[in-house]
N, C-alpha and C. Protein backbone atom coordinates (compact mmCIF):
# COMPACT_ATOMS: atom_id res chain seq x y z
N UNK A 1 -12.15 -60.89 6.73
CA UNK A 1 -11.52 -59.74 7.36
C UNK A 1 -10.00 -59.87 7.24
N UNK A 2 -9.31 -58.82 7.55
CA UNK A 2 -7.85 -58.86 7.42
C UNK A 2 -7.21 -59.23 8.75
N UNK A 3 -5.95 -59.61 8.67
CA UNK A 3 -5.20 -59.99 9.86
C UNK A 3 -4.49 -58.79 10.46
N UNK A 4 -3.55 -59.06 11.36
CA UNK A 4 -2.84 -57.97 12.01
C UNK A 4 -1.88 -57.24 11.07
N UNK A 5 -1.65 -55.96 11.37
CA UNK A 5 -0.73 -55.12 10.61
C UNK A 5 0.62 -55.17 11.30
N UNK A 6 1.68 -55.45 10.57
CA UNK A 6 3.03 -55.40 11.13
C UNK A 6 3.52 -53.96 11.08
N UNK A 7 3.84 -53.43 12.24
CA UNK A 7 4.27 -52.03 12.34
C UNK A 7 5.75 -51.93 11.98
N UNK A 8 6.06 -51.08 11.01
CA UNK A 8 7.42 -50.94 10.52
C UNK A 8 8.11 -49.64 10.91
N UNK A 9 7.35 -48.70 11.49
CA UNK A 9 7.97 -47.42 11.88
C UNK A 9 7.09 -46.72 12.92
N UNK A 10 7.69 -45.75 13.58
CA UNK A 10 6.95 -44.96 14.57
C UNK A 10 5.83 -44.18 13.89
N UNK A 11 6.09 -43.67 12.69
CA UNK A 11 5.07 -42.92 11.95
C UNK A 11 3.88 -43.82 11.60
N UNK A 12 4.17 -45.03 11.18
CA UNK A 12 3.09 -45.97 10.85
C UNK A 12 2.25 -46.29 12.08
N UNK A 13 2.92 -46.46 13.22
CA UNK A 13 2.23 -46.73 14.49
C UNK A 13 1.32 -45.56 14.86
N UNK A 14 1.85 -44.34 14.77
CA UNK A 14 1.06 -43.17 15.13
C UNK A 14 -0.12 -42.98 14.19
N UNK A 15 0.08 -43.23 12.92
CA UNK A 15 -1.01 -43.12 11.94
C UNK A 15 -2.12 -44.11 12.26
N UNK A 16 -1.74 -45.33 12.62
CA UNK A 16 -2.74 -46.34 12.98
C UNK A 16 -3.53 -45.91 14.21
N UNK A 17 -2.83 -45.41 15.24
CA UNK A 17 -3.52 -44.95 16.46
C UNK A 17 -4.46 -43.78 16.17
N UNK A 18 -4.02 -42.88 15.31
CA UNK A 18 -4.81 -41.69 15.01
C UNK A 18 -6.02 -41.97 14.12
N UNK A 19 -5.94 -43.00 13.29
CA UNK A 19 -6.98 -43.24 12.30
C UNK A 19 -7.96 -44.35 12.66
N UNK A 20 -7.76 -45.01 13.79
CA UNK A 20 -8.59 -46.16 14.15
C UNK A 20 -9.13 -45.97 15.57
N UNK A 21 -10.40 -46.29 15.77
CA UNK A 21 -11.02 -46.12 17.08
C UNK A 21 -10.37 -47.00 18.13
N UNK A 22 -10.23 -48.30 17.82
CA UNK A 22 -9.64 -49.26 18.76
C UNK A 22 -8.48 -49.97 18.07
N UNK A 23 -7.32 -49.96 18.73
CA UNK A 23 -6.15 -50.68 18.24
C UNK A 23 -5.74 -51.68 19.30
N UNK A 24 -5.60 -52.95 18.90
CA UNK A 24 -5.12 -54.00 19.79
C UNK A 24 -3.73 -54.36 19.30
N UNK A 25 -2.72 -54.11 20.15
CA UNK A 25 -1.33 -54.30 19.75
C UNK A 25 -0.70 -55.47 20.49
N UNK A 26 0.02 -56.29 19.74
CA UNK A 26 0.80 -57.40 20.28
C UNK A 26 2.26 -56.99 20.23
N UNK A 27 2.85 -56.73 21.40
CA UNK A 27 4.27 -56.42 21.49
C UNK A 27 4.99 -57.74 21.72
N UNK A 28 5.80 -58.16 20.75
CA UNK A 28 6.40 -59.48 20.77
C UNK A 28 7.88 -59.40 20.38
N UNK A 29 8.56 -60.55 20.52
CA UNK A 29 9.94 -60.70 20.05
C UNK A 29 10.04 -62.03 19.32
N UNK A 30 10.85 -62.07 18.27
CA UNK A 30 11.01 -63.29 17.48
C UNK A 30 11.56 -64.45 18.30
N UNK A 31 12.38 -64.17 19.30
CA UNK A 31 13.02 -65.19 20.11
C UNK A 31 12.15 -65.67 21.29
N UNK A 32 10.99 -65.07 21.47
CA UNK A 32 10.12 -65.33 22.64
C UNK A 32 9.21 -66.53 22.40
N UNK A 33 9.40 -67.58 23.18
CA UNK A 33 8.58 -68.79 23.05
C UNK A 33 7.09 -68.55 23.29
N UNK A 34 6.71 -67.91 24.41
CA UNK A 34 5.29 -67.63 24.64
C UNK A 34 4.67 -66.77 23.54
N UNK A 35 5.47 -65.86 22.95
CA UNK A 35 4.96 -65.03 21.85
C UNK A 35 4.58 -65.90 20.66
N UNK A 36 5.44 -66.86 20.35
CA UNK A 36 5.18 -67.78 19.24
C UNK A 36 3.96 -68.65 19.53
N UNK A 37 3.79 -69.01 20.79
CA UNK A 37 2.69 -69.87 21.19
C UNK A 37 1.33 -69.18 21.03
N UNK A 38 1.23 -67.92 21.39
CA UNK A 38 -0.06 -67.23 21.34
C UNK A 38 -0.32 -66.53 20.01
N UNK A 39 0.69 -66.42 19.16
CA UNK A 39 0.55 -65.71 17.88
C UNK A 39 -0.61 -66.23 17.02
N UNK A 40 -0.78 -67.55 16.85
CA UNK A 40 -1.92 -68.02 16.03
C UNK A 40 -3.28 -67.61 16.61
N UNK A 41 -3.38 -67.58 17.93
CA UNK A 41 -4.63 -67.16 18.58
C UNK A 41 -4.90 -65.68 18.29
N UNK A 42 -3.86 -64.85 18.42
CA UNK A 42 -3.99 -63.42 18.14
C UNK A 42 -4.38 -63.19 16.67
N UNK A 43 -3.74 -63.91 15.77
CA UNK A 43 -4.04 -63.75 14.34
C UNK A 43 -5.46 -64.19 14.01
N UNK A 44 -5.93 -65.24 14.65
CA UNK A 44 -7.30 -65.71 14.44
C UNK A 44 -8.30 -64.65 14.92
N UNK A 45 -8.04 -64.07 16.10
CA UNK A 45 -8.92 -63.01 16.62
C UNK A 45 -8.87 -61.78 15.72
N UNK A 46 -7.69 -61.47 15.18
CA UNK A 46 -7.55 -60.32 14.28
C UNK A 46 -8.38 -60.52 13.02
N UNK A 47 -8.32 -61.70 12.44
CA UNK A 47 -9.10 -61.97 11.22
C UNK A 47 -10.59 -61.90 11.49
N UNK A 48 -10.98 -62.32 12.68
CA UNK A 48 -12.40 -62.35 13.04
C UNK A 48 -12.97 -60.96 13.37
N UNK A 49 -12.17 -60.10 14.01
CA UNK A 49 -12.71 -58.86 14.56
C UNK A 49 -12.25 -57.57 13.89
N UNK A 50 -11.31 -57.62 12.95
CA UNK A 50 -10.83 -56.39 12.31
C UNK A 50 -11.95 -55.70 11.55
N UNK A 51 -12.04 -54.39 11.70
CA UNK A 51 -13.01 -53.57 10.99
C UNK A 51 -12.30 -52.29 10.57
N UNK A 52 -12.32 -51.93 9.29
CA UNK A 52 -11.62 -50.72 8.84
C UNK A 52 -12.06 -49.48 9.64
N UNK A 53 -11.08 -48.73 10.10
CA UNK A 53 -11.26 -47.48 10.85
C UNK A 53 -11.87 -47.67 12.24
N UNK A 54 -12.35 -48.88 12.54
CA UNK A 54 -12.99 -49.16 13.83
C UNK A 54 -12.06 -49.97 14.74
N UNK A 55 -11.65 -51.16 14.28
CA UNK A 55 -10.83 -52.07 15.09
C UNK A 55 -9.67 -52.56 14.23
N UNK A 56 -8.46 -52.30 14.71
CA UNK A 56 -7.25 -52.76 14.01
C UNK A 56 -6.38 -53.55 14.97
N UNK A 57 -5.71 -54.54 14.44
CA UNK A 57 -4.78 -55.36 15.21
C UNK A 57 -3.38 -55.09 14.67
N UNK A 58 -2.43 -54.89 15.58
CA UNK A 58 -1.06 -54.57 15.18
C UNK A 58 -0.09 -55.49 15.88
N UNK A 59 0.98 -55.82 15.17
CA UNK A 59 2.08 -56.59 15.75
C UNK A 59 3.30 -55.67 15.75
N UNK A 60 3.87 -55.49 16.94
CA UNK A 60 5.02 -54.61 17.10
C UNK A 60 6.19 -55.45 17.63
N UNK A 61 7.21 -55.61 16.80
CA UNK A 61 8.41 -56.34 17.19
C UNK A 61 9.24 -55.43 18.09
N UNK A 62 9.42 -55.82 19.35
CA UNK A 62 10.09 -54.94 20.31
C UNK A 62 11.58 -54.76 20.01
N UNK A 63 12.16 -55.67 19.25
CA UNK A 63 13.57 -55.53 18.89
C UNK A 63 13.76 -54.53 17.77
N UNK A 64 12.93 -54.60 16.74
CA UNK A 64 13.09 -53.68 15.61
C UNK A 64 12.37 -52.35 15.84
N UNK A 65 11.41 -52.31 16.73
CA UNK A 65 10.66 -51.08 17.04
C UNK A 65 10.80 -50.75 18.53
N UNK A 66 12.04 -50.69 18.98
CA UNK A 66 12.30 -50.49 20.41
C UNK A 66 11.81 -49.13 20.92
N UNK A 67 11.78 -48.13 20.07
CA UNK A 67 11.30 -46.81 20.49
C UNK A 67 9.83 -46.88 20.87
N UNK A 68 9.04 -47.55 20.05
CA UNK A 68 7.61 -47.70 20.34
C UNK A 68 7.43 -48.50 21.62
N UNK A 69 8.17 -49.61 21.75
CA UNK A 69 8.06 -50.46 22.94
C UNK A 69 8.42 -49.68 24.20
N UNK A 70 9.50 -48.91 24.15
CA UNK A 70 9.90 -48.10 25.32
C UNK A 70 8.84 -47.06 25.65
N UNK A 71 8.33 -46.39 24.63
CA UNK A 71 7.31 -45.36 24.83
C UNK A 71 6.07 -45.95 25.50
N UNK A 72 5.74 -47.18 25.14
CA UNK A 72 4.56 -47.84 25.68
C UNK A 72 4.83 -48.57 27.01
N UNK A 73 6.07 -48.54 27.47
CA UNK A 73 6.41 -49.16 28.75
C UNK A 73 6.39 -50.68 28.71
N UNK A 74 6.70 -51.26 27.57
CA UNK A 74 6.69 -52.72 27.44
C UNK A 74 8.00 -53.26 28.00
N UNK A 75 7.87 -54.15 29.00
CA UNK A 75 9.05 -54.74 29.63
C UNK A 75 9.03 -56.26 29.57
N UNK A 76 7.90 -56.85 29.22
CA UNK A 76 7.77 -58.31 29.16
C UNK A 76 7.09 -58.67 27.85
N UNK A 77 7.43 -59.85 27.35
CA UNK A 77 6.80 -60.31 26.11
C UNK A 77 6.11 -61.64 26.36
N UNK A 78 4.97 -61.84 25.74
CA UNK A 78 4.23 -60.84 24.98
C UNK A 78 3.48 -59.89 25.90
N UNK A 79 3.27 -58.69 25.43
CA UNK A 79 2.40 -57.72 26.09
C UNK A 79 1.38 -57.27 25.07
N UNK A 80 0.12 -57.32 25.44
CA UNK A 80 -0.97 -56.87 24.57
C UNK A 80 -1.54 -55.59 25.17
N UNK A 81 -1.66 -54.58 24.33
CA UNK A 81 -2.22 -53.31 24.79
C UNK A 81 -3.40 -52.95 23.90
N UNK A 82 -4.45 -52.47 24.53
CA UNK A 82 -5.65 -52.04 23.81
C UNK A 82 -5.76 -50.53 23.95
N UNK A 83 -5.87 -49.88 22.79
CA UNK A 83 -5.95 -48.42 22.74
C UNK A 83 -7.33 -48.01 22.23
N UNK A 84 -7.90 -47.00 22.88
CA UNK A 84 -9.17 -46.43 22.44
C UNK A 84 -8.91 -44.95 22.18
N UNK A 85 -9.12 -44.53 20.95
CA UNK A 85 -8.83 -43.15 20.54
C UNK A 85 -7.41 -42.72 20.92
N UNK A 86 -6.46 -43.63 20.75
CA UNK A 86 -5.05 -43.34 20.99
C UNK A 86 -4.57 -43.51 22.41
N UNK A 87 -5.46 -43.75 23.37
CA UNK A 87 -5.07 -43.90 24.77
C UNK A 87 -5.18 -45.37 25.19
N UNK A 88 -4.18 -45.86 25.90
CA UNK A 88 -4.19 -47.25 26.37
C UNK A 88 -5.25 -47.42 27.45
N UNK A 89 -6.14 -48.41 27.25
CA UNK A 89 -7.20 -48.66 28.23
C UNK A 89 -7.07 -50.03 28.89
N UNK A 90 -6.20 -50.89 28.36
CA UNK A 90 -6.05 -52.24 28.92
C UNK A 90 -4.68 -52.78 28.54
N UNK A 91 -4.06 -53.51 29.46
CA UNK A 91 -2.78 -54.16 29.22
C UNK A 91 -2.85 -55.59 29.73
N UNK A 92 -2.39 -56.51 28.92
CA UNK A 92 -2.33 -57.92 29.31
C UNK A 92 -0.89 -58.37 29.09
N UNK A 93 -0.25 -58.84 30.14
CA UNK A 93 1.12 -59.32 30.04
C UNK A 93 1.12 -60.83 30.09
N UNK A 94 1.83 -61.44 29.17
CA UNK A 94 1.94 -62.89 29.14
C UNK A 94 1.01 -63.51 28.12
N UNK A 95 1.27 -64.78 27.84
CA UNK A 95 0.49 -65.53 26.85
C UNK A 95 -0.72 -66.14 27.53
N UNK A 96 -1.76 -65.35 27.70
CA UNK A 96 -2.97 -65.77 28.39
C UNK A 96 -4.15 -65.67 27.41
N UNK A 97 -4.44 -66.77 26.68
CA UNK A 97 -5.47 -66.70 25.63
C UNK A 97 -6.85 -66.28 26.12
N UNK A 98 -7.27 -66.76 27.29
CA UNK A 98 -8.61 -66.41 27.76
C UNK A 98 -8.71 -64.93 28.12
N UNK A 99 -7.69 -64.38 28.77
CA UNK A 99 -7.70 -62.96 29.11
C UNK A 99 -7.66 -62.11 27.84
N UNK A 100 -6.89 -62.55 26.86
CA UNK A 100 -6.79 -61.82 25.59
C UNK A 100 -8.13 -61.83 24.86
N UNK A 101 -8.76 -62.99 24.79
CA UNK A 101 -10.06 -63.10 24.12
C UNK A 101 -11.10 -62.21 24.80
N UNK A 102 -11.12 -62.23 26.13
CA UNK A 102 -12.08 -61.41 26.88
C UNK A 102 -11.85 -59.92 26.64
N UNK A 103 -10.59 -59.51 26.68
CA UNK A 103 -10.27 -58.09 26.48
C UNK A 103 -10.61 -57.64 25.06
N UNK A 104 -10.37 -58.50 24.08
CA UNK A 104 -10.69 -58.15 22.69
C UNK A 104 -12.19 -58.05 22.50
N UNK A 105 -12.95 -58.93 23.14
CA UNK A 105 -14.42 -58.84 23.06
C UNK A 105 -14.91 -57.51 23.61
N UNK A 106 -14.33 -57.08 24.73
CA UNK A 106 -14.70 -55.80 25.32
C UNK A 106 -14.32 -54.65 24.39
N UNK A 107 -13.13 -54.76 23.80
CA UNK A 107 -12.65 -53.70 22.91
C UNK A 107 -13.53 -53.57 21.68
N UNK A 108 -13.96 -54.70 21.12
CA UNK A 108 -14.83 -54.68 19.95
C UNK A 108 -16.16 -54.04 20.30
N UNK A 109 -16.70 -54.35 21.47
CA UNK A 109 -17.96 -53.73 21.88
C UNK A 109 -17.78 -52.22 22.09
N UNK A 110 -16.60 -51.82 22.57
CA UNK A 110 -16.30 -50.40 22.74
C UNK A 110 -16.28 -49.69 21.39
N UNK A 111 -15.70 -50.33 20.39
CA UNK A 111 -15.62 -49.74 19.05
C UNK A 111 -16.99 -49.64 18.40
N UNK A 112 -17.89 -50.56 18.75
CA UNK A 112 -19.22 -50.58 18.14
C UNK A 112 -20.23 -49.71 18.86
N UNK A 113 -19.84 -49.14 20.01
CA UNK A 113 -20.72 -48.27 20.77
C UNK A 113 -20.33 -46.82 20.52
N UNK A 114 -21.18 -46.04 19.87
CA UNK A 114 -20.82 -44.64 19.62
C UNK A 114 -20.60 -43.91 20.95
N UNK A 115 -19.48 -43.21 21.04
CA UNK A 115 -19.17 -42.46 22.26
C UNK A 115 -18.94 -43.36 23.45
N UNK A 116 -18.55 -44.62 23.19
CA UNK A 116 -18.33 -45.58 24.27
C UNK A 116 -17.28 -45.10 25.26
N UNK A 117 -17.50 -45.42 26.52
CA UNK A 117 -16.60 -45.02 27.59
C UNK A 117 -15.78 -46.24 28.00
N UNK A 118 -14.46 -46.21 27.78
CA UNK A 118 -13.65 -47.37 28.14
C UNK A 118 -13.67 -47.66 29.64
N UNK A 119 -13.89 -46.65 30.46
CA UNK A 119 -13.95 -46.86 31.90
C UNK A 119 -15.11 -47.75 32.31
N UNK A 120 -16.17 -47.74 31.54
CA UNK A 120 -17.31 -48.60 31.83
C UNK A 120 -17.07 -50.03 31.40
N UNK A 121 -16.34 -50.21 30.32
CA UNK A 121 -16.11 -51.56 29.79
C UNK A 121 -14.91 -52.22 30.45
N UNK A 122 -13.80 -51.48 30.59
CA UNK A 122 -12.60 -52.01 31.22
C UNK A 122 -12.54 -51.51 32.65
N UNK A 123 -13.22 -52.20 33.55
CA UNK A 123 -13.29 -51.75 34.94
C UNK A 123 -12.10 -52.19 35.76
N UNK A 124 -11.37 -53.21 35.30
CA UNK A 124 -10.24 -53.69 36.07
C UNK A 124 -8.95 -53.27 35.40
N UNK A 125 -7.89 -53.02 36.21
CA UNK A 125 -6.61 -52.73 35.59
C UNK A 125 -6.07 -53.98 34.90
N UNK A 126 -4.96 -53.88 34.22
CA UNK A 126 -4.41 -54.97 33.42
C UNK A 126 -4.21 -56.26 34.17
N UNK A 127 -4.02 -57.33 33.42
CA UNK A 127 -3.79 -58.64 33.99
C UNK A 127 -2.38 -59.09 33.67
N UNK A 128 -1.87 -59.98 34.53
CA UNK A 128 -0.59 -60.59 34.24
C UNK A 128 -0.75 -62.09 34.30
N UNK A 129 0.05 -62.79 33.57
CA UNK A 129 0.00 -64.23 33.53
C UNK A 129 0.42 -64.80 34.87
N UNK A 130 -0.34 -65.78 35.37
CA UNK A 130 0.04 -66.49 36.58
C UNK A 130 -0.37 -65.82 37.87
N UNK A 131 -1.22 -64.85 37.85
CA UNK A 131 -1.60 -64.20 39.09
C UNK A 131 -3.01 -63.70 39.05
N UNK A 132 -3.70 -63.82 40.17
CA UNK A 132 -5.04 -63.30 40.27
C UNK A 132 -5.05 -61.83 40.64
N UNK A 133 -3.87 -61.33 41.04
CA UNK A 133 -3.81 -59.93 41.42
C UNK A 133 -3.76 -59.05 40.20
N UNK A 134 -4.24 -57.84 40.36
CA UNK A 134 -4.18 -56.89 39.27
C UNK A 134 -2.82 -56.23 39.24
N UNK A 135 -2.45 -55.74 38.07
CA UNK A 135 -1.16 -55.07 37.93
C UNK A 135 -1.16 -53.78 38.73
N UNK A 136 -0.05 -53.50 39.36
CA UNK A 136 0.08 -52.25 40.10
C UNK A 136 -0.59 -52.27 41.46
N UNK A 137 -0.98 -53.46 41.95
CA UNK A 137 -1.67 -53.54 43.22
C UNK A 137 -0.72 -53.25 44.36
N UNK A 138 -0.82 -52.82 45.45
CA UNK A 138 0.15 -52.44 46.46
C UNK A 138 0.79 -53.62 47.14
N UNK A 139 1.10 -53.48 48.41
CA UNK A 139 1.79 -54.50 49.19
C UNK A 139 0.77 -55.52 49.69
N UNK A 140 1.12 -56.79 49.58
CA UNK A 140 0.26 -57.86 50.10
C UNK A 140 0.78 -58.21 51.49
N UNK A 141 0.12 -57.69 52.53
CA UNK A 141 0.60 -57.87 53.89
C UNK A 141 0.51 -59.33 54.35
N UNK A 142 -0.43 -60.08 53.82
CA UNK A 142 -0.52 -61.50 54.16
C UNK A 142 0.72 -62.25 53.73
N UNK A 143 1.19 -62.00 52.52
CA UNK A 143 2.41 -62.65 52.04
C UNK A 143 3.62 -62.18 52.85
N UNK A 144 3.65 -60.90 53.18
CA UNK A 144 4.76 -60.36 53.97
C UNK A 144 4.84 -61.03 55.33
N UNK A 145 3.71 -61.22 55.99
CA UNK A 145 3.68 -61.89 57.29
C UNK A 145 4.13 -63.34 57.16
N UNK A 146 3.67 -64.04 56.13
CA UNK A 146 4.09 -65.42 55.91
C UNK A 146 5.59 -65.53 55.71
N UNK A 147 6.18 -64.59 54.97
CA UNK A 147 7.62 -64.60 54.74
C UNK A 147 8.37 -64.36 56.05
N UNK A 148 7.88 -63.43 56.85
CA UNK A 148 8.52 -63.18 58.15
C UNK A 148 8.44 -64.39 59.07
N UNK A 149 7.30 -65.06 59.09
CA UNK A 149 7.15 -66.27 59.92
C UNK A 149 8.11 -67.36 59.45
N UNK A 150 8.23 -67.54 58.13
CA UNK A 150 9.16 -68.53 57.60
C UNK A 150 10.60 -68.17 57.99
N UNK A 151 10.94 -66.92 57.87
CA UNK A 151 12.30 -66.48 58.19
C UNK A 151 12.62 -66.76 59.66
N UNK A 152 11.72 -66.39 60.56
CA UNK A 152 11.93 -66.62 61.99
C UNK A 152 12.03 -68.12 62.27
N UNK A 153 11.16 -68.91 61.64
CA UNK A 153 11.20 -70.36 61.83
C UNK A 153 12.51 -70.96 61.37
N UNK A 154 12.98 -70.55 60.20
CA UNK A 154 14.26 -71.06 59.71
C UNK A 154 15.42 -70.63 60.60
N UNK A 155 15.34 -69.43 61.13
CA UNK A 155 16.37 -68.94 62.03
C UNK A 155 16.47 -69.82 63.27
N UNK A 156 15.33 -70.14 63.88
CA UNK A 156 15.33 -70.97 65.09
C UNK A 156 15.77 -72.40 64.78
N UNK A 157 15.38 -72.94 63.65
CA UNK A 157 15.80 -74.28 63.27
C UNK A 157 17.32 -74.32 63.10
N UNK A 158 17.88 -73.30 62.45
CA UNK A 158 19.34 -73.27 62.26
C UNK A 158 20.06 -73.10 63.60
N UNK A 159 19.49 -72.34 64.55
CA UNK A 159 20.10 -72.20 65.88
C UNK A 159 20.11 -73.52 66.62
N UNK A 160 18.98 -74.23 66.56
CA UNK A 160 18.89 -75.52 67.25
C UNK A 160 19.83 -76.55 66.63
N UNK A 161 19.93 -76.57 65.33
CA UNK A 161 20.81 -77.55 64.70
C UNK A 161 22.27 -77.23 64.98
N UNK A 162 22.64 -75.96 65.05
CA UNK A 162 24.02 -75.57 65.39
C UNK A 162 24.32 -75.92 66.84
N UNK A 163 23.34 -75.75 67.71
CA UNK A 163 23.53 -76.07 69.15
C UNK A 163 23.73 -77.55 69.32
N UNK A 164 22.94 -78.38 68.58
CA UNK A 164 23.06 -79.82 68.71
C UNK A 164 24.43 -80.29 68.22
N UNK A 165 25.00 -79.68 67.23
CA UNK A 165 26.32 -80.06 66.72
C UNK A 165 27.40 -79.76 67.75
N UNK A 166 27.25 -78.66 68.50
CA UNK A 166 28.24 -78.31 69.52
C UNK A 166 28.22 -79.32 70.66
N UNK A 167 27.03 -79.83 71.00
CA UNK A 167 26.90 -80.76 72.12
C UNK A 167 27.44 -82.13 71.78
N UNK A 168 27.58 -82.48 70.52
CA UNK A 168 28.06 -83.81 70.13
C UNK A 168 29.47 -83.97 70.33
């Protein structure tokens, strides 16, 4: 099978989205260490799973193709986006090989299922590296309460230490 396609223009990107059922895109930067670290894994998956007109893998350099990156809302590198019939159905931020492998497996099954529904396969919103929470999740009140308790505790400790200095 073939490896990932390097996107050289907005027109090339749009043509790939329009002509392929599933597109898995790696938004990367040449200067990004994590991008370099996960690149061989992405290329291996691309060689294994690419299918003409069904599944395509693309590499989009965010520095040279900044218009595409901005349009897709890419703010961190690497960011992997999976598109089904031109619409983004999954986003993975960070160099997370297991999450990437799992998402690609789901995407390949989506491409192989006629009339497949991405909502059935991708039931969770995107993932980010280093967190069990889903992207776009609201306020975590447990963390907020812990921060308030720490703040109040530090405030009282600083009051007591200032009081002890005055008494000396």
